[in-house]
Amino acid sequence: MNICRRSLPYLLSLLTGISLSLAMPGSGGFWPLLPLALIPLFFALQGTGAKQAGACALLAGSVHYMWQLYWIVIVLKQYGGLPLYLALPALAMLALYMSIYLLTFVLVGRTFLTGRAGLWLLPALWVGIDWLRAYLFTGFPWMDLGYGLALTPSLLQFADLFGHHGLTFVIIMLNVSFYQLISFFLRGGRIKRRPISLLTPWLIILALTAYSQLRQKQISLEMAEAKTITVAIVQGNIEQNLKWSVNQTGQTVEKYLGLTEGLFRQNRPEMVVWPETALPFYPEKSIYTQSLQDSVSRYDYALLTGAPWFRIVDQKARDIDYYNSAQLLSRKGFSGSYYKSHLVPFGEYVPFRKYLPFLEPLVVSVGDFTPGRVEKTLDWQNARSGVLICFESVFADISRKWVDSGANVLVNLTNDAWYGRSSAPYHSLAMTAMRAVETRRSIVRSANTGFSAFISPLGTLVQVSPLFSSWVGVEEIPLLEKRTFFVCWGYLFAPLCLLIVGGYLLLYRRKSCQLKRL
């Protein structure tokens, strides 16, 4: 009996980890679990000391994040060359790192679980910690809880106010509210004594649903009246192992051009979008560039494609900057470019290599790209494109900066071949869909092996490609111009939550100290 009692908190924590994972896209996608998933963990924390509470948090977090991030093993083993006995510990370490944020939430917030302040303090604490995770150590905001609603447009529209952090706030508030309500009834409480606690979760759900329905109607009208541009997506499905082979370059260009020019038999796209590094060569120095120029001139379209790029900084010193770039090619030649601004550490550059010389050998295998900046949109006819390259679609602030710079469409160029047939492409698609609602911009997503997609400003998936097959899609997309509250002010919601929680905790501690003196 004692063994059962001792193990119960850990079983409840395990249940939370499993429930969180099943609620997320790509791992079940049963989003109704979101407002309930943390309740077992909250009950596990009842009557526990800091050490046991921390163990419960680490258990729940490790289960959840190892489930969400198992694709890391595929990347490290298949493309990083790591044996399984090293790839698995790497996954465990990453899951443990992510779990530290849940540990922080539990240790700081467990005192407020049963108090009225917990109803708003705990959601604010969770959101503030999520915001920190998006910036610390270059940031890894992979699948925050708000993304669990990313493929549910009927509940998603609230994101144009406070972004995905706003949705996370509501999810945590519902968990706390339901937990407090269940605890109250288990203690023999009566409805008349806690009418507010009883009504709170249902009022939140009602308000969220009503706002979403209202915004769906408003944005649908704006989309119907907006200017449009006809865009084509080409998904080449080039194997990752062959992508950078010199012997494969000609076939790659030929395949992309063949798929593109085949579109013009029945369609007249004004812009064609190829994936991240669809051109596996430096265009300004390649014999294949003329073939691209001939095609855009013959069919009169603009090509927006990913390509490596370089810029000579100092020829005498042989100082050259290399970029992961997006290039806009029209009949006038290259007329616009963007250099990826948020690089992947140990994937596109080696951190601290200037200060840690022993890391220099890694540069040869990893590469050493230079980050760019969000500046000028890539313009063609009515479209002013803000480009998100690969991992950048995970960061809400980059898409926000593009819209703030005048973008009326967002284009995501990516290569998700690294992830294999795992949950990661589903995660990536869901996070990209969230960017559409936050900014109220159409998103054109071109992925080497999928998922390529047209995403409306409502977050709906208008067209989606299959995984690991060649595919082309054409769509007339609306170009909305208004800036959302999120773009103008709502992006400050998460750091504001952190400040409010910090201020409240300082006041709470000061008050506690004063009471002890008395």
Protein backbone atom coordinates (compact mmCIF):
# COMPACT_ATOMS: atom_id res chain seq x y z
CA MET A 1 0.00 0.00 0.00
CA ASN A 2 2.84 2.38 0.91
CA ILE A 3 4.58 1.54 -2.35
CA CYS A 4 1.43 2.47 -4.28
CA ARG A 5 1.15 5.77 -2.44
CA ARG A 6 4.80 6.60 -3.05
CA SER A 7 4.59 5.75 -6.74
CA LEU A 8 1.27 7.56 -7.37
CA PRO A 9 2.81 11.04 -7.90
CA TYR A 10 5.19 9.59 -10.50
CA LEU A 11 2.41 7.69 -12.27
CA LEU A 12 0.38 10.91 -12.42
CA SER A 13 3.41 12.77 -13.78
CA LEU A 14 3.88 10.07 -16.40
CA LEU A 15 0.22 10.48 -17.37
CA THR A 16 0.78 14.22 -17.90
CA GLY A 17 3.79 13.58 -20.15
CA ILE A 18 1.82 11.10 -22.27
CA SER A 19 -1.29 13.32 -22.44
CA LEU A 20 0.70 16.37 -23.55
CA SER A 21 2.32 14.35 -26.32
CA LEU A 22 -0.94 12.85 -27.57
CA ALA A 23 -2.47 16.33 -27.77
CA MET A 24 0.12 17.71 -30.19
CA PRO A 25 0.02 17.51 -34.03
CA GLY A 26 2.01 14.62 -35.43
CA SER A 27 1.76 12.62 -32.20
CA GLY A 28 -1.97 11.99 -32.12
CA GLY A 29 -3.28 15.52 -32.47
CA PHE A 30 -6.10 14.99 -29.95
CA TRP A 31 -6.21 18.66 -28.93
CA PRO A 32 -9.11 18.30 -26.39
CA LEU A 33 -6.49 16.84 -24.02
CA LEU A 34 -4.71 20.21 -23.83
CA PRO A 35 -6.89 21.83 -21.11
CA LEU A 36 -6.70 18.61 -19.04
CA ALA A 37 -3.17 17.28 -19.56
CA LEU A 38 -1.49 19.09 -16.65
CA ILE A 39 -4.13 18.19 -14.06
CA PRO A 40 -2.50 14.83 -13.11
CA LEU A 41 0.82 16.63 -12.53
CA PHE A 42 -0.89 19.26 -10.38
CA PHE A 43 -2.39 16.50 -8.22
CA ALA A 44 1.01 14.80 -8.05
CA LEU A 45 2.44 17.97 -6.50
CA GLN A 46 -0.02 17.97 -3.59
CA GLY A 47 1.79 17.58 -0.29
CA THR A 48 5.21 17.01 -1.87
CA GLY A 49 8.49 18.64 -0.96
CA ALA A 50 10.65 20.53 -3.44
CA LYS A 51 12.79 17.48 -4.26
CA GLN A 52 9.85 15.21 -5.11
CA ALA A 53 8.06 18.01 -6.98
CA GLY A 54 11.18 18.53 -9.08
CA ALA A 55 11.42 14.81 -9.82
CA CYS A 56 7.78 14.76 -10.94
CA ALA A 57 8.37 17.74 -13.24
CA LEU A 58 11.47 16.19 -14.79
CA LEU A 59 9.65 12.89 -15.36
CA ALA A 60 6.65 14.54 -17.05
CA GLY A 61 8.89 16.80 -19.12
CA SER A 62 11.31 14.07 -20.18
CA VAL A 63 8.51 11.77 -21.35
CA HIS A 64 6.82 14.59 -23.28
CA TYR A 65 9.94 15.97 -24.95
CA MET A 66 11.50 12.61 -25.80
CA TRP A 67 8.21 11.79 -27.53
CA GLN A 68 8.15 15.14 -29.34
CA LEU A 69 11.83 15.18 -30.31
CA TYR A 70 12.61 11.53 -31.12
CA TRP A 71 13.32 12.62 -34.71
CA ILE A 72 16.61 14.06 -33.43
CA VAL A 73 17.92 10.48 -33.38
CA ILE A 74 17.07 10.10 -37.09
CA VAL A 75 18.93 13.32 -37.95
CA LEU A 76 22.01 12.52 -35.87
CA LYS A 77 22.24 8.87 -36.93
CA GLN A 78 21.38 9.10 -40.62
CA TYR A 79 22.93 12.46 -41.50
CA GLY A 80 25.22 13.30 -38.59
CA GLY A 81 26.99 9.96 -38.67
CA LEU A 82 26.49 9.32 -34.94
CA PRO A 83 25.99 5.71 -33.83
CA LEU A 84 22.77 4.91 -32.01
CA TYR A 85 24.52 4.64 -28.65
CA LEU A 86 25.50 8.32 -28.96
CA ALA A 87 22.36 9.61 -30.71
CA LEU A 88 20.04 8.31 -27.96
CA PRO A 89 21.93 10.05 -25.12
CA ALA A 90 21.90 13.24 -27.21
CA LEU A 91 18.10 13.01 -27.38
CA ALA A 92 17.92 12.36 -23.64
CA MET A 93 20.10 15.41 -22.92
CA LEU A 94 17.97 17.66 -25.13
CA ALA A 95 14.77 16.36 -23.49
CA LEU A 96 16.30 16.97 -20.08
CA TYR A 97 17.27 20.51 -21.06
CA MET A 98 13.71 21.22 -22.24
CA SER A 99 12.36 19.68 -19.02
CA ILE A 100 14.34 22.16 -16.93
CA TYR A 101 11.85 24.83 -18.02
CA LEU A 102 8.96 22.71 -16.71
CA LEU A 103 10.98 22.13 -13.54
CA THR A 104 11.31 25.90 -13.11
CA PHE A 105 7.56 26.32 -13.58
CA VAL A 106 6.79 23.68 -10.94
CA LEU A 107 9.28 24.89 -8.32
CA VAL A 108 8.25 28.54 -8.67
CA GLY A 109 4.53 28.05 -9.21
CA ARG A 110 3.49 25.11 -7.01
CA THR A 111 2.83 27.42 -4.05
CA PHE A 112 0.07 29.17 -6.01
CA LEU A 113 -1.77 26.10 -7.32
CA THR A 114 -4.69 26.36 -4.92
CA GLY A 115 -4.89 30.14 -4.49
CA ARG A 116 -7.00 32.49 -6.56
CA ALA A 117 -3.87 34.24 -7.85
CA GLY A 118 -2.81 30.96 -9.45
CA LEU A 119 -5.56 31.28 -12.05
CA TRP A 120 -3.64 34.06 -13.82
CA LEU A 121 -0.19 33.81 -12.21
CA LEU A 122 0.55 30.25 -13.35
CA PRO A 123 -0.40 30.87 -17.02
CA ALA A 124 1.72 34.04 -17.00
CA LEU A 125 4.64 32.12 -15.47
CA TRP A 126 4.39 29.34 -18.08
CA VAL A 127 4.25 31.85 -20.96
CA GLY A 128 7.17 33.84 -19.56
CA ILE A 129 9.29 30.68 -19.30
CA ASP A 130 8.32 29.69 -22.87
CA TRP A 131 9.45 33.13 -24.04
CA LEU A 132 12.83 32.65 -22.36
CA ARG A 133 13.23 29.27 -24.07
CA ALA A 134 12.79 31.01 -27.44
CA TYR A 135 15.87 33.17 -26.79
CA LEU A 136 18.27 31.40 -24.43
CA PHE A 137 21.16 29.62 -26.20
CA THR A 138 19.89 30.92 -29.60
CA GLY A 139 16.37 29.64 -28.80
CA PHE A 140 14.45 26.40 -29.31
CA PRO A 141 10.69 27.14 -29.05
CA TRP A 142 9.72 23.80 -30.55
CA MET A 143 6.02 22.92 -30.16
CA ASP A 144 4.96 25.18 -27.29
CA LEU A 145 1.53 24.11 -26.04
CA GLY A 146 -0.30 26.78 -28.06
CA TYR A 147 0.73 24.96 -31.24
CA GLY A 148 -1.57 22.13 -30.20
CA LEU A 149 -4.42 24.24 -31.64
CA ALA A 150 -2.54 25.21 -34.81
CA LEU A 151 -4.55 22.90 -37.07
CA THR A 152 -7.89 23.78 -35.46
CA PRO A 153 -8.91 27.06 -37.18
CA SER A 154 -12.20 27.30 -35.26
CA LEU A 155 -10.20 27.95 -32.05
CA LEU A 156 -7.05 29.44 -33.51
CA GLN A 157 -8.09 32.98 -34.44
CA PHE A 158 -7.26 34.43 -31.00
CA ALA A 159 -3.60 34.21 -32.08
CA ASP A 160 -3.86 37.51 -34.01
CA LEU A 161 -4.00 39.28 -30.62
CA PHE A 162 -1.22 37.71 -28.55
CA GLY A 163 0.27 35.06 -30.83
CA HIS A 164 0.68 31.43 -29.90
CA HIS A 165 1.69 32.55 -26.40
CA GLY A 166 -1.85 33.84 -25.91
CA LEU A 167 -3.22 30.39 -26.74
CA THR A 168 -0.75 28.79 -24.34
CA PHE A 169 -1.91 31.21 -21.63
CA VAL A 170 -5.53 30.12 -22.12
CA ILE A 171 -4.58 26.41 -22.12
CA ILE A 172 -2.71 26.72 -18.81
CA MET A 173 -5.52 28.82 -17.30
CA LEU A 174 -8.03 26.11 -18.19
CA ASN A 175 -5.81 23.43 -16.62
CA VAL A 176 -5.48 25.42 -13.40
CA SER A 177 -9.18 26.25 -13.33
CA PHE A 178 -10.27 22.64 -13.83
CA TYR A 179 -7.73 21.45 -11.25
CA GLN A 180 -8.97 23.93 -8.65
CA LEU A 181 -12.56 22.99 -9.39
CA ILE A 182 -11.93 19.23 -9.06
CA SER A 183 -9.93 19.79 -5.85
CA PHE A 184 -12.77 21.87 -4.43
CA PHE A 185 -15.35 19.14 -5.07
CA LEU A 186 -13.05 16.39 -3.74
CA ARG A 187 -12.85 18.34 -0.49
CA GLY A 188 -16.65 18.34 -0.28
CA GLY A 189 -17.17 21.91 -1.44
CA ARG A 190 -20.49 23.17 -2.73
CA ILE A 191 -21.20 24.92 -6.01
CA LYS A 192 -22.69 27.96 -4.27
CA ARG A 193 -19.39 28.72 -2.57
CA ARG A 194 -17.28 28.78 -5.74
CA PRO A 195 -19.54 29.93 -8.59
CA ILE A 196 -16.71 31.91 -10.23
CA SER A 197 -14.38 28.89 -10.29
CA LEU A 198 -17.15 26.80 -11.82
CA LEU A 199 -17.90 29.33 -14.55
CA THR A 200 -14.36 30.48 -15.39
CA PRO A 201 -13.29 27.65 -17.76
CA TRP A 202 -16.59 27.71 -19.62
CA LEU A 203 -16.51 31.50 -19.98
CA ILE A 204 -12.98 31.26 -21.38
CA ILE A 205 -13.99 28.60 -23.91
CA LEU A 206 -17.09 30.59 -24.89
CA ALA A 207 -15.12 33.83 -25.36
CA LEU A 208 -12.40 32.07 -27.37
CA THR A 209 -14.93 30.38 -29.66
CA ALA A 210 -16.99 33.56 -30.15
CA TYR A 211 -13.91 35.64 -31.01
CA SER A 212 -12.66 32.98 -33.45
CA GLN A 213 -16.00 32.85 -35.27
CA LEU A 214 -16.17 36.65 -35.48
CA ARG A 215 -12.64 36.93 -36.86
CA GLN A 216 -13.19 34.12 -39.34
CA LYS A 217 -16.06 36.10 -40.87
CA GLN A 218 -14.12 39.38 -40.88
CA ILE A 219 -10.95 37.93 -42.41
CA SER A 220 -12.94 35.95 -44.99
CA LEU A 221 -14.48 39.24 -46.21
CA GLU A 222 -11.05 40.88 -46.35
CA MET A 223 -9.67 37.93 -48.33
CA ALA A 224 -12.53 38.17 -50.85
CA GLU A 225 -11.80 41.87 -51.47
CA ALA A 226 -7.99 41.71 -51.44
CA LYS A 227 -5.58 41.87 -54.36
CA THR A 228 -4.25 38.48 -55.41
CA ILE A 229 -1.31 36.81 -57.10
CA THR A 230 -1.16 33.35 -58.67
CA VAL A 231 1.68 31.33 -57.16
CA ALA A 232 3.02 27.87 -57.95
CA ILE A 233 4.95 25.61 -55.58
CA VAL A 234 7.38 23.02 -56.90
CA GLN A 235 8.43 20.17 -54.60
CA GLY A 236 11.36 18.39 -56.20
CA ASN A 237 11.75 15.53 -53.69
CA ILE A 238 15.53 15.34 -54.07
CA GLU A 239 17.10 12.73 -51.79
CA GLN A 240 19.19 14.33 -49.06
CA ASN A 241 22.08 11.95 -49.69
CA LEU A 242 22.21 13.06 -53.36
CA LYS A 243 21.29 16.72 -52.95
CA TRP A 244 24.83 18.12 -52.79
CA SER A 245 26.46 15.62 -55.15
CA VAL A 246 28.21 17.40 -58.03
CA ASN A 247 27.14 14.60 -60.36
CA GLN A 248 23.49 15.20 -59.39
CA THR A 249 23.41 18.99 -59.96
CA GLY A 250 22.40 18.89 -63.62
CA GLN A 251 19.62 16.37 -62.97
CA THR A 252 18.32 18.47 -60.06
CA VAL A 253 18.08 21.63 -62.20
CA GLU A 254 16.53 19.65 -65.05
CA LYS A 255 13.90 18.14 -62.73
CA TYR A 256 12.88 21.48 -61.21
CA LEU A 257 12.71 23.19 -64.59
CA GLY A 258 10.72 20.29 -66.05
CA LEU A 259 8.16 20.40 -63.24
CA THR A 260 7.97 24.20 -63.47
CA GLU A 261 7.58 24.50 -67.23
CA GLY A 262 4.99 21.71 -67.20
CA LEU A 263 2.78 24.01 -65.13
CA PHE A 264 2.42 26.47 -67.99
CA ARG A 265 0.51 24.00 -70.17
CA GLN A 266 -2.63 24.68 -68.14
CA ASN A 267 -1.76 27.51 -65.73
CA ARG A 268 -0.17 30.95 -65.79
CA PRO A 269 1.49 31.40 -62.40
CA GLU A 270 3.04 34.81 -61.87
CA MET A 271 5.53 33.52 -59.31
CA VAL A 272 7.04 30.06 -58.81
CA VAL A 273 8.55 29.02 -55.48
CA TRP A 274 11.25 26.38 -55.07
CA PRO A 275 12.47 25.06 -51.68
CA GLU A 276 15.45 25.92 -49.49
CA THR A 277 18.74 25.42 -51.39
CA ALA A 278 16.85 23.96 -54.34
CA LEU A 279 19.87 25.21 -56.28
CA PRO A 280 22.78 23.18 -54.88
CA PHE A 281 25.34 25.62 -56.28
CA TYR A 282 26.35 29.30 -56.17
CA PRO A 283 24.14 30.85 -58.88
CA GLU A 284 26.39 33.80 -59.67
CA LYS A 285 29.22 31.44 -60.66
CA SER A 286 27.33 28.51 -62.22
CA ILE A 287 26.79 27.39 -65.79
CA TYR A 288 23.22 26.37 -64.83
CA THR A 289 22.08 29.92 -64.07
CA GLN A 290 21.50 30.71 -67.75
CA SER A 291 19.00 27.83 -67.99
CA LEU A 292 17.03 29.41 -65.15
CA GLN A 293 17.19 32.83 -66.77
CA ASP A 294 15.98 31.43 -70.10
CA SER A 295 12.99 29.78 -68.41
CA VAL A 296 11.76 32.85 -66.49
CA SER A 297 12.17 34.98 -69.63
CA ARG A 298 10.37 32.50 -71.90
CA TYR A 299 7.36 32.02 -69.62
CA ASP A 300 7.43 35.46 -67.97
CA TYR A 301 7.37 34.53 -64.29
CA ALA A 302 9.45 35.27 -61.22
CA LEU A 303 11.32 32.44 -59.53
CA LEU A 304 11.80 32.60 -55.77
CA THR A 305 14.25 29.90 -54.77
CA GLY A 306 16.68 28.93 -52.07
CA ALA A 307 20.38 28.90 -52.92
CA PRO A 308 23.77 29.23 -51.25
CA TRP A 309 25.35 32.64 -51.81
CA PHE A 310 28.66 34.31 -51.08
CA ARG A 311 29.99 37.84 -50.82
CA ILE A 312 33.65 38.83 -50.97
CA VAL A 313 34.43 41.08 -48.00
CA ASP A 314 38.16 41.47 -48.55
CA GLN A 315 39.68 39.90 -51.65
CA LYS A 316 43.28 40.34 -50.51
CA ALA A 317 42.63 38.74 -47.14
CA ARG A 318 40.42 36.10 -48.78
CA ASP A 319 37.64 37.10 -46.42
CA ILE A 320 34.37 35.69 -47.78
CA ASP A 321 30.92 35.59 -46.19
CA TYR A 322 28.71 32.61 -47.06
CA TYR A 323 24.91 32.71 -46.77
CA ASN A 324 21.89 30.43 -46.82
CA SER A 325 19.80 32.65 -49.07
CA ALA A 326 16.55 33.18 -50.94
CA GLN A 327 16.89 34.68 -54.42
CA LEU A 328 14.26 36.29 -56.64
CA LEU A 329 15.01 35.78 -60.33
CA SER A 330 13.01 37.50 -63.08
CA ARG A 331 13.62 38.39 -66.73
CA LYS A 332 15.77 41.28 -65.41
CA GLY A 333 18.04 38.87 -63.54
CA PHE A 334 18.42 38.56 -59.78
CA SER A 335 16.24 41.36 -58.43
CA GLY A 336 15.95 40.58 -54.72
CA SER A 337 17.59 38.51 -52.02
CA TYR A 338 17.35 37.59 -48.37
CA TYR A 339 20.05 35.98 -46.24
CA LYS A 340 18.83 33.70 -43.46
CA SER A 341 19.02 35.63 -40.19
CA HIS A 342 18.50 32.90 -37.57
CA LEU A 343 21.08 30.20 -38.22
CA VAL A 344 20.98 26.72 -36.69
CA PRO A 345 23.87 26.23 -34.22
CA PHE A 346 26.12 23.29 -35.16
CA GLY A 347 24.04 22.96 -38.33
CA GLU A 348 24.93 26.18 -40.16
CA TYR A 349 27.60 27.65 -37.92
CA VAL A 350 29.78 26.68 -34.96
CA PRO A 351 29.16 28.91 -31.92
CA PHE A 352 32.11 30.59 -30.17
CA ARG A 353 34.66 29.25 -32.63
CA LYS A 354 36.60 32.56 -32.50
CA TYR A 355 37.11 32.09 -28.76
CA LEU A 356 37.43 28.31 -28.75
CA PRO A 357 40.01 27.35 -31.40
CA PHE A 358 39.61 23.62 -30.76
CA LEU A 359 36.16 23.85 -32.40
CA GLU A 360 37.74 24.85 -35.72
CA PRO A 361 37.67 21.29 -37.19
CA LEU A 362 33.87 21.28 -36.84
CA VAL A 363 33.63 24.20 -39.27
CA VAL A 364 34.79 21.96 -42.12
CA SER A 365 31.95 19.48 -41.63
CA VAL A 366 29.23 21.86 -40.41
CA GLY A 367 29.96 24.94 -42.50
CA ASP A 368 30.15 28.52 -41.35
CA PHE A 369 27.35 30.71 -42.70
CA THR A 370 26.96 34.39 -41.91
CA PRO A 371 23.57 35.58 -40.59
CA GLY A 372 21.62 38.17 -42.55
CA ARG A 373 18.91 40.60 -41.45
CA VAL A 374 15.21 41.15 -42.07
CA GLU A 375 15.28 44.27 -44.23
CA LYS A 376 13.77 44.65 -47.69
CA THR A 377 10.94 42.46 -48.96
CA LEU A 378 11.33 40.55 -52.22
CA ASP A 379 8.86 42.28 -54.53
CA TRP A 380 7.14 41.02 -57.67
CA GLN A 381 3.98 42.61 -59.08
CA ASN A 382 1.44 42.88 -56.21
CA ALA A 383 3.41 40.62 -53.88
CA ARG A 384 5.89 41.85 -51.28
CA SER A 385 7.38 38.63 -49.93
CA GLY A 386 8.89 38.14 -46.51
CA VAL A 387 10.95 34.94 -46.54
CA LEU A 388 11.33 32.43 -43.71
CA ILE A 389 14.09 29.93 -44.41
CA CYS A 390 13.75 26.53 -42.73
CA PHE A 391 13.82 26.83 -38.92
CA GLU A 392 12.85 30.53 -39.08
CA SER A 393 9.15 29.64 -39.36
CA VAL A 394 9.35 28.51 -35.72
CA PHE A 395 10.15 32.05 -34.54
CA ALA A 396 7.11 34.34 -34.45
CA ASP A 397 9.27 37.44 -34.18
CA ILE A 398 10.85 36.94 -37.62
CA SER A 399 7.52 36.78 -39.45
CA ARG A 400 6.33 39.76 -37.37
CA LYS A 401 9.37 41.79 -38.45
CA TRP A 402 8.68 40.94 -42.10
CA VAL A 403 5.10 42.19 -41.87
CA ASP A 404 6.31 45.26 -40.01
CA SER A 405 8.66 45.84 -42.97
CA GLY A 406 5.73 45.76 -45.41
CA ALA A 407 5.35 42.09 -46.41
CA ASN A 408 1.87 41.14 -47.63
CA VAL A 409 2.76 37.46 -48.10
CA LEU A 410 5.13 35.13 -46.24
CA VAL A 411 7.13 32.49 -48.09
CA ASN A 412 8.67 29.58 -46.21
CA LEU A 413 11.50 27.78 -48.01
CA THR A 414 12.54 24.62 -46.21
CA ASN A 415 14.09 21.19 -46.53
CA ASP A 416 12.56 18.73 -44.07
CA ALA A 417 14.18 15.69 -45.66
CA TRP A 418 16.43 15.51 -42.58
CA TYR A 419 13.51 14.41 -40.42
CA GLY A 420 12.55 11.33 -42.41
CA ARG A 421 9.03 9.96 -41.93
CA SER A 422 8.72 11.26 -38.38
CA SER A 423 6.43 13.68 -36.55
CA ALA A 424 8.78 16.62 -37.23
CA PRO A 425 7.30 17.61 -40.64
CA TYR A 426 3.86 17.74 -38.99
CA HIS A 427 5.25 19.92 -36.21
CA SER A 428 6.93 22.22 -38.70
CA LEU A 429 3.73 22.61 -40.74
CA ALA A 430 1.66 23.36 -37.62
CA MET A 431 4.06 26.06 -36.41
CA THR A 432 4.09 27.64 -39.87
CA ALA A 433 0.28 27.72 -39.93
CA MET A 434 0.35 29.65 -36.65
CA ARG A 435 2.43 32.38 -38.33
CA ALA A 436 -0.37 32.89 -40.87
CA VAL A 437 -2.95 33.67 -38.17
CA GLU A 438 -0.63 35.80 -36.05
CA THR A 439 0.16 38.07 -39.00
CA ARG A 440 -2.97 37.52 -41.17
CA ARG A 441 -0.82 36.78 -44.18
CA SER A 442 -1.05 34.03 -46.77
CA ILE A 443 1.87 31.64 -46.48
CA VAL A 444 3.43 29.81 -49.40
CA ARG A 445 5.48 26.89 -48.09
CA SER A 446 7.85 25.09 -50.42
CA ALA A 447 9.59 22.05 -48.94
CA ASN A 448 12.01 19.73 -50.72
CA THR A 449 10.24 16.53 -49.61
CA GLY A 450 7.08 18.02 -48.03
CA PHE A 451 4.98 19.22 -46.51
CA SER A 452 4.61 22.00 -49.08
CA ALA A 453 1.43 23.99 -48.58
CA PHE A 454 -0.68 27.02 -49.30
CA ILE A 455 -1.91 28.39 -45.96
CA SER A 456 -4.61 31.05 -45.82
CA PRO A 457 -4.59 34.04 -43.41
CA LEU A 458 -7.13 32.03 -41.38
CA GLY A 459 -4.57 29.27 -40.83
CA THR A 460 -6.45 26.80 -43.03
CA LEU A 461 -4.42 24.43 -45.18
CA VAL A 462 -5.72 25.20 -48.68
CA GLN A 463 -3.42 22.71 -50.41
CA VAL A 464 -0.91 20.32 -48.84
CA SER A 465 1.56 18.07 -50.64
CA PRO A 466 2.24 14.44 -49.75
CA LEU A 467 5.53 13.57 -48.09
CA PHE A 468 8.46 12.24 -50.12
CA SER A 469 7.05 12.62 -53.61
CA SER A 470 7.38 15.18 -56.40
CA TRP A 471 4.50 17.63 -56.39
CA VAL A 472 3.34 20.90 -57.92
CA GLY A 473 0.51 23.14 -56.77
CA VAL A 474 -0.99 26.37 -58.07
CA GLU A 475 -3.15 28.78 -56.07
CA GLU A 476 -4.44 32.33 -56.34
CA ILE A 477 -3.62 33.75 -52.93
CA PRO A 478 -5.02 36.90 -51.26
CA LEU A 479 -2.60 39.65 -50.27
CA LEU A 480 -3.84 41.27 -47.06
CA GLU A 481 -2.35 44.58 -45.95
CA LYS A 482 -3.65 45.33 -42.44
CA ARG A 483 -1.35 44.75 -39.49
CA THR A 484 -2.70 42.68 -36.63
CA PHE A 485 -2.62 43.66 -32.98
CA PHE A 486 0.01 40.94 -32.52
CA VAL A 487 2.31 42.54 -35.11
CA CYS A 488 1.96 46.01 -33.56
CA TRP A 489 1.81 45.28 -29.84
CA GLY A 490 0.77 41.72 -29.01
CA TYR A 491 4.29 40.32 -29.39
CA LEU A 492 5.09 42.08 -26.09
CA PHE A 493 2.57 39.88 -24.24
CA ALA A 494 5.03 37.10 -23.31
CA PRO A 495 7.84 39.30 -21.90
CA LEU A 496 5.17 41.35 -20.10
CA CYS A 497 3.93 38.14 -18.46
CA LEU A 498 7.46 37.47 -17.23
CA LEU A 499 7.77 40.99 -15.80
CA ILE A 500 4.39 40.78 -14.04
CA VAL A 501 5.23 37.40 -12.50
CA GLY A 502 8.63 38.67 -11.39
CA GLY A 503 7.06 41.74 -9.79
CA TYR A 504 4.37 39.68 -8.06
CA LEU A 505 6.92 37.22 -6.67
CA LEU A 506 9.04 40.06 -5.28
CA LEU A 507 6.01 41.57 -3.54
CA TYR A 508 4.93 38.14 -2.30
CA ARG A 509 8.38 37.45 -0.86
CA ARG A 510 8.56 40.87 0.79
CA LYS A 511 5.13 40.37 2.35
CA SER A 512 6.13 36.91 3.62
CA CYS A 513 9.28 38.34 5.21
CA GLN A 514 7.27 41.05 6.95
CA LEU A 515 4.81 38.49 8.34
CA LYS A 516 7.70 36.37 9.68
CA ARG A 517 9.10 39.39 11.53
CA LEU A 518 5.75 39.91 13.21
